[in-house]
């Protein structure tokens, strides 16, 4: 006959110096409750039994076990034994933790990998998702331990028909994908803490969204910006324009450059930092996107512009800084331009260069797309372009590559050559 398992198992872990407990159904509790008390430390006892969380001996552990079983049986009669182990936190309370860098469980996990979180991700993304789209929904009032797949589907339905500020339904948008991504992430971490809890998202595929790619300037238009005097007025405009178009730097990286990041001998630029929340007044300095330094091209045009800028304004903490003087005309420091400066200058550069947009969406970030496309057409391997732009995934780099007129002409020339080699000339449809 098979041996009947003991109602419980208590054992001492030497590595953590704690007692662990496993409850089996023949202790008088339902199997679903016992599953949540398999190999669990006494540290997980509910708050009502906090005095029994740190037993010093096997005898004390058995006493704590008896009180726990009695407590769970009483809760079972009240219909809430299962919630005791999983916690009574609501969906809203749990997701809310992920909108603050100090309370998010992911902060510590990322820090353990030495990959600090971006403050911008919390303040302008997660917090906006929660306050604008999640907060106040009936879904947030449910207990995490009780949420089922039907509850999730109802929530997804409400979100998909919710209206954005421009009147569009949220379903199918990047915002919808982001909101669901935040919720799914929170639920994954809840499952990580409650191993026997069934994640209601388990059998639901994440939403897909085909992001709109920014347009890029072809080589001829890109070179127009640097073709003649007057298009870029002064060393600051020339330097910033060269940094984004010829160096592939993001706006937040350009204004975070320090003199020690410039290697004049090689020459090259090392991107070590970036402004987080660049478009906000309370921006803070952090690592660049991708959380690791990268090296990029230090173009002669950019070198000349920086030398001229330093001659006019002096060298300060950041490379791109205007000289700041007191009321007596004495230099007291330097000040970097803000996001409004480049937003105002960029369209003027295009206008002075005679670049007509023709329905294209050309913004400062389009400079990175333009550089990537130019390099790829010149035969630079896509892996090198990926490193230059600081992409962690090569699929992201592929999005930056645009088909230009030159590409179409090259394909046409190649196909014509193939046809000639195979003597397919003057083909007529029968």
Protein backbone atom coordinates (compact mmCIF):
# COMPACT_ATOMS: atom_id res chain seq x y z
CA UNK A 1 0.00 0.00 0.00
CA UNK A 2 1.26 3.50 -0.77
CA UNK A 3 2.39 5.42 2.22
CA UNK A 4 0.00 8.14 3.38
CA UNK A 5 1.76 11.52 3.46
CA UNK A 6 2.12 13.31 6.74
CA UNK A 7 -0.34 16.14 7.38
CA UNK A 8 2.60 18.50 7.35
CA UNK A 9 6.37 18.65 6.87
CA UNK A 10 8.64 21.05 8.74
CA UNK A 11 12.34 21.28 7.95
CA UNK A 12 15.20 23.60 8.80
CA UNK A 13 17.18 25.35 6.04
CA UNK A 14 20.77 25.85 7.08
CA UNK A 15 21.53 28.35 4.30
CA UNK A 16 18.83 30.81 5.37
CA UNK A 17 18.56 29.59 8.99
CA UNK A 18 14.80 29.46 8.75
CA UNK A 19 12.10 26.84 9.20
CA UNK A 20 10.01 25.95 6.18
CA UNK A 21 6.56 24.37 6.12
CA UNK A 22 4.58 22.17 3.73
CA UNK A 23 0.90 21.44 4.37
CA UNK A 24 -0.80 18.38 2.85
CA UNK A 25 -4.57 17.91 2.32
CA UNK A 26 -4.85 15.35 5.11
CA UNK A 27 -4.25 18.18 7.56
CA UNK A 28 -7.90 19.06 7.03
CA UNK A 29 -7.49 21.90 4.53
CA UNK A 30 -8.51 21.90 0.83
CA UNK A 31 -5.84 21.01 -1.70
CA UNK A 32 -5.96 24.49 -3.31
CA UNK A 33 -5.07 26.05 0.06
CA UNK A 34 -2.34 23.51 0.79
CA UNK A 35 -0.71 24.19 -2.58
CA UNK A 36 0.01 27.71 -1.42
CA UNK A 37 1.84 26.37 1.64
CA UNK A 38 4.41 24.14 -0.01
CA UNK A 39 8.00 24.73 1.10
CA UNK A 40 7.13 28.16 2.44
CA UNK A 41 9.04 29.95 5.15
CA UNK A 42 7.35 30.77 8.43
CA UNK A 43 8.20 34.37 7.51
CA UNK A 44 5.15 34.21 5.22
CA UNK A 45 2.67 33.65 8.04
CA UNK A 46 -0.18 36.19 7.93
CA UNK A 47 0.02 39.34 10.03
CA UNK A 48 -2.38 37.86 12.58
CA UNK A 49 0.28 35.21 13.35
CA UNK A 50 3.32 37.49 13.14
CA UNK A 51 4.61 36.35 16.56
CA UNK A 52 5.18 32.85 15.12
CA UNK A 53 7.20 33.92 12.08
CA UNK A 54 10.62 33.31 13.59
CA UNK A 55 10.63 29.99 15.46
CA UNK A 56 13.89 29.21 17.24
CA UNK A 57 13.35 25.47 17.48
CA UNK A 58 11.34 22.63 15.95
CA UNK A 59 8.99 22.72 18.93
CA UNK A 60 8.21 26.41 18.32
CA UNK A 61 7.76 25.72 14.60
CA UNK A 62 5.18 23.01 15.37
CA UNK A 63 3.28 25.41 17.60
CA UNK A 64 3.26 27.98 14.80
CA UNK A 65 2.07 25.27 12.40
CA UNK A 66 -0.87 24.39 14.66
CA UNK A 67 -1.94 28.02 14.90
CA UNK A 68 -1.63 28.45 11.12
CA UNK A 69 -3.81 25.39 10.37
CA UNK A 70 -6.42 26.57 12.85
CA UNK A 71 -6.28 30.07 11.38
CA UNK A 72 -6.68 28.80 7.81
CA UNK A 73 -9.58 26.53 8.76
CA UNK A 74 -11.34 29.48 10.35
CA UNK A 75 -10.69 31.56 7.25
CA UNK A 76 -11.89 28.68 5.10
CA UNK A 77 -15.21 28.78 6.88
CA UNK A 78 -15.31 32.53 6.14
CA UNK A 79 -14.43 31.84 2.51
CA UNK A 80 -11.05 33.60 2.44
CA UNK A 81 -8.36 31.06 3.34
CA UNK A 82 -6.80 31.19 -0.11
CA UNK A 83 -6.54 34.96 -0.04
CA UNK A 84 -4.53 34.85 3.16
CA UNK A 85 -1.49 33.38 1.47
CA UNK A 86 -1.77 35.30 -1.78
CA UNK A 87 -2.49 38.59 -0.06
CA UNK A 88 -5.51 40.85 -0.11
CA UNK A 89 -3.99 43.51 -2.33
CA UNK A 90 -6.28 44.87 -5.05
CA UNK A 91 -5.37 45.08 -8.73
CA UNK A 92 -5.19 48.87 -8.52
CA UNK A 93 -2.95 48.84 -5.45
CA UNK A 94 -0.61 46.32 -7.05
CA UNK A 95 -0.30 48.05 -10.44
CA UNK A 96 0.17 51.40 -8.72
CA UNK A 97 3.41 50.08 -7.18
CA UNK A 98 4.91 49.84 -10.67
CA UNK A 99 4.41 53.55 -11.37
CA UNK A 100 6.96 54.72 -8.80
CA UNK A 101 10.68 53.98 -8.95
CA UNK A 102 10.85 53.55 -5.15
CA UNK A 103 8.04 50.98 -4.89
CA UNK A 104 8.30 49.05 -8.14
CA UNK A 105 9.55 45.46 -7.71
CA UNK A 106 11.37 45.83 -11.03
CA UNK A 107 13.61 48.57 -9.69
CA UNK A 108 15.52 46.21 -7.42
CA UNK A 109 15.72 43.50 -10.06
CA UNK A 110 17.16 45.91 -12.63
CA UNK A 111 19.53 47.34 -10.04
CA UNK A 112 20.79 43.83 -9.27
CA UNK A 113 21.82 43.60 -12.94
CA UNK A 114 23.43 47.06 -12.73
CA UNK A 115 20.86 48.35 -15.25
CA UNK A 116 19.19 51.31 -13.50
CA UNK A 117 15.65 52.21 -14.47
CA UNK A 118 14.90 55.38 -16.41
CA UNK A 119 13.00 57.93 -14.32
CA UNK A 120 11.25 58.97 -17.53
CA UNK A 121 9.73 55.50 -17.83
CA UNK A 122 7.96 55.90 -14.50
CA UNK A 123 6.94 59.56 -14.54
CA UNK A 124 5.88 60.15 -18.11
CA UNK A 125 4.92 56.62 -19.17
CA UNK A 126 3.79 54.22 -16.42
CA UNK A 127 2.26 56.94 -14.24
CA UNK A 128 0.42 58.42 -17.24
CA UNK A 129 -0.89 55.00 -18.27
CA UNK A 130 -2.22 54.37 -14.77
CA UNK A 131 -3.79 57.76 -14.01
CA UNK A 132 -5.29 58.31 -17.48
CA UNK A 133 -6.49 54.83 -18.40
CA UNK A 134 -6.41 52.34 -15.50
CA UNK A 135 -7.31 54.29 -12.38
CA UNK A 136 -11.05 54.14 -11.57
CA UNK A 137 -11.79 51.11 -13.77
CA UNK A 138 -13.81 48.35 -11.99
CA UNK A 139 -10.90 46.01 -12.72
CA UNK A 140 -8.74 47.85 -10.17
CA UNK A 141 -11.17 47.05 -7.33
CA UNK A 142 -10.78 43.28 -7.70
CA UNK A 143 -8.45 41.31 -5.45
CA UNK A 144 -5.36 40.05 -7.25
CA UNK A 145 -5.90 36.55 -5.87
CA UNK A 146 -9.42 36.42 -7.32
CA UNK A 147 -8.90 37.81 -10.84
CA UNK A 148 -9.86 35.41 -13.62
CA UNK A 149 -9.45 35.47 -17.38
CA UNK A 150 -12.99 36.77 -17.94
CA UNK A 151 -12.20 39.78 -15.74
CA UNK A 152 -9.13 40.51 -17.85
CA UNK A 153 -11.11 40.21 -21.10
CA UNK A 154 -13.76 42.60 -19.77
CA UNK A 155 -11.02 45.07 -18.87
CA UNK A 156 -9.45 44.76 -22.35
CA UNK A 157 -12.84 45.40 -23.94
CA UNK A 158 -13.40 48.57 -21.92
CA UNK A 159 -9.90 49.80 -22.70
CA UNK A 160 -10.25 49.13 -26.45
CA UNK A 161 -13.39 51.28 -26.79
CA UNK A 162 -12.16 54.02 -24.45
CA UNK A 163 -11.52 57.31 -26.26
CA UNK A 164 -8.15 59.03 -26.48
CA UNK A 165 -7.86 62.82 -26.36
CA UNK A 166 -8.09 63.02 -30.16
CA UNK A 167 -11.34 61.03 -30.17
CA UNK A 168 -9.89 57.77 -31.51
CA UNK A 169 -10.76 54.47 -29.82
CA UNK A 170 -7.74 53.27 -27.85
CA UNK A 171 -7.82 49.78 -29.36
CA UNK A 172 -5.13 49.27 -31.99
CA UNK A 173 -3.01 52.18 -30.77
CA UNK A 174 0.43 52.32 -29.20
CA UNK A 175 -1.19 53.58 -25.99
CA UNK A 176 -3.38 50.47 -25.77
CA UNK A 177 -0.33 48.24 -26.15
CA UNK A 178 1.50 50.24 -23.47
CA UNK A 179 -1.36 50.10 -20.95
CA UNK A 180 -1.81 46.35 -21.39
CA UNK A 181 1.97 45.92 -21.24
CA UNK A 182 2.08 47.62 -17.83
CA UNK A 183 -0.76 45.46 -16.49
CA UNK A 184 0.77 42.24 -17.84
CA UNK A 185 4.13 43.13 -16.30
CA UNK A 186 2.52 43.72 -12.89
CA UNK A 187 0.69 40.39 -13.08
CA UNK A 188 3.90 38.53 -14.02
CA UNK A 189 5.62 39.88 -10.92
CA UNK A 190 2.65 38.97 -8.75
CA UNK A 191 2.95 35.40 -10.03
CA UNK A 192 6.65 35.50 -9.24
CA UNK A 193 5.79 36.16 -5.59
CA UNK A 194 2.87 33.69 -5.52
CA UNK A 195 4.06 30.61 -7.40
CA UNK A 196 0.81 28.68 -7.20
CA UNK A 197 -1.34 31.58 -8.36
CA UNK A 198 -2.68 31.20 -11.89
CA UNK A 199 -1.97 34.27 -14.00
CA UNK A 200 -5.16 35.12 -15.96
CA UNK A 201 -3.00 36.45 -18.80
CA UNK A 202 -1.31 33.05 -19.28
CA UNK A 203 -3.30 32.03 -22.36
CA UNK A 204 -3.81 35.52 -23.79
CA UNK A 205 -1.41 36.82 -26.44
CA UNK A 206 0.02 40.32 -25.89
CA UNK A 207 -1.37 43.05 -28.18
CA UNK A 208 0.54 43.85 -31.35
CA UNK A 209 1.17 47.28 -32.75
CA UNK A 210 2.91 48.26 -35.96
CA UNK A 211 4.65 51.46 -34.96
CA UNK A 212 4.72 54.31 -37.44
CA UNK A 213 8.24 54.89 -38.67
CA UNK A 214 9.58 58.41 -39.01
CA UNK A 215 10.58 59.67 -42.43
CA UNK A 216 14.23 60.16 -43.33
CA UNK A 217 16.08 62.68 -45.46
CA UNK A 218 17.92 61.24 -48.47
CA UNK A 219 21.64 61.94 -48.85
CA UNK A 220 21.19 64.98 -51.13
CA UNK A 221 18.84 66.78 -48.74
CA UNK A 222 20.87 65.81 -45.69
CA UNK A 223 24.00 67.35 -47.21
CA UNK A 224 22.10 70.54 -48.08
CA UNK A 225 22.09 71.42 -44.38
CA UNK A 226 25.88 71.77 -44.45
CA UNK A 227 26.30 72.94 -48.07
CA UNK A 228 26.45 76.71 -47.67
CA UNK A 229 26.72 79.42 -44.99
CA UNK A 230 23.57 80.86 -43.47
CA UNK A 231 21.58 77.65 -43.18
CA UNK A 232 23.04 76.95 -39.75
CA UNK A 233 23.57 80.22 -37.90
CA UNK A 234 26.49 80.12 -35.51
CA UNK A 235 28.61 77.43 -33.91
CA UNK A 236 25.85 76.14 -31.61
CA UNK A 237 23.42 75.42 -34.45
CA UNK A 238 26.15 73.89 -36.61
CA UNK A 239 27.40 71.69 -33.77
CA UNK A 240 23.99 70.42 -32.68
CA UNK A 241 22.89 69.74 -36.27
CA UNK A 242 26.13 67.86 -36.96
CA UNK A 243 25.80 65.87 -33.74
CA UNK A 244 22.33 64.56 -34.60
CA UNK A 245 22.74 64.10 -38.37
CA UNK A 246 26.41 63.07 -38.62
CA UNK A 247 26.91 61.49 -35.19
CA UNK A 248 23.50 59.88 -34.71
CA UNK A 249 23.05 61.27 -31.21
CA UNK A 250 19.64 61.72 -29.60
CA UNK A 251 18.70 65.23 -28.41
CA UNK A 252 18.97 64.11 -24.78
CA UNK A 253 22.48 62.77 -25.48
CA UNK A 254 23.74 65.84 -27.35
CA UNK A 255 23.15 68.18 -24.43
CA UNK A 256 24.56 65.67 -21.93
CA UNK A 257 27.98 65.47 -23.62
CA UNK A 258 30.94 66.56 -21.51
CA UNK A 259 34.41 67.54 -22.76
CA UNK A 260 35.89 64.27 -21.48
CA UNK A 261 33.53 62.35 -23.80
CA UNK A 262 35.35 63.73 -26.86
CA UNK A 263 38.39 61.85 -28.14
CA UNK A 264 40.12 64.30 -30.49
CA UNK A 265 42.97 61.93 -31.35
CA UNK A 266 41.03 58.94 -32.71
CA UNK A 267 38.61 60.85 -33.24
CA UNK A 268 35.40 59.50 -31.64
CA UNK A 269 32.63 60.37 -29.19
CA UNK A 270 31.74 58.19 -26.22
CA UNK A 271 28.09 58.51 -25.21
CA UNK A 272 28.05 57.86 -21.47
CA UNK A 273 24.94 59.68 -20.24
CA UNK A 274 21.63 61.15 -21.27
CA UNK A 275 19.00 63.51 -19.86
CA UNK A 276 16.01 61.57 -18.54
CA UNK A 277 12.67 63.31 -19.11
CA UNK A 278 14.43 65.70 -21.48
CA UNK A 279 11.22 67.55 -22.40
CA UNK A 280 10.37 68.34 -18.76
CA UNK A 281 11.68 71.00 -16.39
CA UNK A 282 12.57 68.42 -13.71
CA UNK A 283 14.81 66.41 -16.03
CA UNK A 284 17.58 64.38 -14.40
CA UNK A 285 20.84 62.91 -15.65
CA UNK A 286 21.01 59.16 -16.21
CA UNK A 287 22.55 56.50 -18.45
CA UNK A 288 21.91 56.55 -22.21
CA UNK A 289 19.14 54.48 -23.70
CA UNK A 290 20.23 50.85 -23.58
CA UNK A 291 21.91 51.47 -20.19
CA UNK A 292 25.46 51.16 -21.55
CA UNK A 293 28.01 53.53 -23.15
CA UNK A 294 28.61 53.47 -26.89
CA UNK A 295 31.04 55.08 -29.31
CA UNK A 296 30.10 57.10 -32.37
CA UNK A 297 31.60 59.11 -35.22
CA UNK A 298 33.24 62.47 -34.40
CA UNK A 299 32.83 64.24 -37.73
CA UNK A 300 35.26 67.05 -38.77
CA UNK A 301 32.30 69.45 -39.17
CA UNK A 302 31.30 68.74 -35.58
CA UNK A 303 34.89 69.14 -34.38
CA UNK A 304 35.22 72.55 -36.04
CA UNK A 305 31.86 73.70 -34.65
CA UNK A 306 32.77 72.70 -31.07
CA UNK A 307 36.14 74.49 -31.27
CA UNK A 308 34.40 77.62 -32.52
CA UNK A 309 31.71 77.33 -29.84
CA UNK A 310 34.34 77.09 -27.11
CA UNK A 311 36.19 80.09 -28.51
CA UNK A 312 33.01 82.17 -28.31
CA UNK A 313 31.48 80.84 -25.07
CA UNK A 314 34.30 79.09 -23.23
CA UNK A 315 34.46 75.45 -22.15
CA UNK A 316 31.97 74.44 -19.45
CA UNK A 317 30.65 71.29 -17.77
CA UNK A 318 28.69 70.35 -20.90
CA UNK A 319 30.03 70.64 -24.44
CA UNK A 320 27.06 72.54 -25.85
CA UNK A 321 26.73 75.48 -23.47
CA UNK A 322 26.10 79.18 -23.86
CA UNK A 323 28.17 81.52 -21.72
CA UNK A 324 26.25 82.92 -18.72
CA UNK A 325 27.31 86.32 -17.37
CA UNK A 326 26.34 88.29 -14.30
CA UNK A 327 25.10 91.88 -14.40
CA UNK A 328 28.71 93.10 -14.47
CA UNK A 329 29.52 91.05 -17.56
CA UNK A 330 31.60 88.48 -15.68
CA UNK A 331 31.29 84.86 -16.79
CA UNK A 332 29.66 82.80 -14.04
CA UNK A 333 29.06 79.53 -15.89
CA UNK A 334 27.44 77.89 -18.86
CA UNK A 335 23.88 76.89 -19.75
CA UNK A 336 22.80 74.19 -22.19
CA UNK A 337 19.89 74.82 -24.57
CA UNK A 338 16.62 73.09 -23.72
CA UNK A 339 14.12 71.10 -25.78
CA UNK A 340 12.30 74.27 -26.91
CA UNK A 341 15.53 75.55 -28.50
CA UNK A 342 15.96 72.61 -30.86
CA UNK A 343 12.22 72.38 -31.57
CA UNK A 344 12.32 75.99 -32.75
CA UNK A 345 15.58 75.74 -34.70
CA UNK A 346 15.03 72.45 -36.53
CA UNK A 347 12.20 73.55 -38.92
CA UNK A 348 14.16 76.71 -39.70
CA UNK A 349 17.16 74.63 -40.80
CA UNK A 350 14.97 72.69 -43.22
CA UNK A 351 13.38 75.87 -44.56
CA UNK A 352 16.71 77.67 -45.13
CA UNK A 353 18.12 74.60 -46.90
CA UNK A 354 15.15 74.56 -49.27
CA UNK A 355 13.99 71.14 -48.12
CA UNK A 356 10.29 70.71 -48.86
CA UNK A 357 8.60 68.11 -46.70
CA UNK A 358 5.83 67.18 -49.13
CA UNK A 359 3.78 65.43 -46.47
CA UNK A 360 6.79 63.79 -44.83
CA UNK A 361 7.15 63.91 -41.06
CA UNK A 362 10.69 65.16 -40.48
CA UNK A 363 11.52 65.83 -36.82
CA UNK A 364 14.85 65.96 -34.93
CA UNK A 365 14.77 62.20 -34.36
CA UNK A 366 14.53 61.72 -38.14
CA UNK A 367 18.23 62.60 -38.21
CA UNK A 368 19.04 59.14 -36.80
CA UNK A 369 16.89 57.49 -39.47
CA UNK A 370 18.61 59.59 -42.14
CA UNK A 371 22.09 58.63 -40.95
CA UNK A 372 21.21 54.93 -40.67
CA UNK A 373 19.78 54.88 -44.21
CA UNK A 374 22.80 56.73 -45.62
CA UNK A 375 25.30 54.37 -44.01
CA UNK A 376 23.40 51.27 -45.08
CA UNK A 377 23.25 52.47 -48.70
CA UNK A 378 27.02 53.07 -48.56
CA UNK A 379 27.59 49.45 -47.58
CA UNK A 380 28.13 49.77 -43.83
CA UNK A 381 27.07 46.45 -42.17
CA UNK A 382 23.82 46.72 -40.26
CA UNK A 383 25.54 45.40 -37.11
CA UNK A 384 27.87 48.44 -37.16
CA UNK A 385 24.91 50.78 -37.61
CA UNK A 386 23.21 49.07 -34.66
CA UNK A 387 26.23 49.75 -32.45
CA UNK A 388 26.51 53.35 -33.64
CA UNK A 389 22.85 54.11 -32.85
CA UNK A 390 22.91 52.21 -29.54
CA UNK A 391 20.14 49.71 -30.31
CA UNK A 392 19.97 46.58 -28.17
CA UNK A 393 17.90 44.76 -30.82
CA UNK A 394 18.87 44.68 -34.49
CA UNK A 395 15.18 44.60 -35.41
CA UNK A 396 14.96 48.17 -34.10
CA UNK A 397 17.81 49.18 -36.40
CA UNK A 398 15.98 47.68 -39.39
CA UNK A 399 13.07 50.04 -38.69
CA UNK A 400 15.49 52.95 -39.16
CA UNK A 401 16.43 51.87 -42.69
CA UNK A 402 14.30 53.57 -45.35
CA UNK A 403 14.05 52.90 -49.05
CA UNK A 404 15.27 55.91 -50.97
CA UNK A 405 15.26 56.79 -54.67
CA UNK A 406 18.84 55.54 -54.93
CA UNK A 407 17.80 52.14 -53.63
CA UNK A 408 15.02 51.85 -56.22
CA UNK A 409 17.40 52.86 -58.99
CA UNK A 410 19.99 50.34 -57.80
CA UNK A 411 17.38 47.57 -57.83
CA UNK A 412 16.21 48.63 -61.29
CA UNK A 413 19.79 48.58 -62.61
CA UNK A 414 20.47 45.17 -61.09
CA UNK A 415 17.29 43.63 -62.47
CA UNK A 416 17.97 45.10 -65.92
CA UNK A 417 21.42 43.51 -65.83
CA UNK A 418 19.91 40.14 -64.87
CA UNK A 419 17.44 40.36 -67.74
CA UNK A 420 20.24 41.19 -70.20
CA UNK A 421 22.38 38.29 -68.99
CA UNK A 422 19.48 35.91 -69.55
CA UNK A 423 18.69 37.49 -72.92
CA UNK A 424 15.17 38.46 -71.92
CA UNK A 425 14.79 41.51 -74.16
CA UNK A 426 11.69 43.13 -75.61
CA UNK A 427 9.42 40.73 -73.75
CA UNK A 428 5.82 40.92 -74.90
CA UNK A 429 2.71 39.70 -73.15
CA UNK A 430 1.03 37.03 -75.23
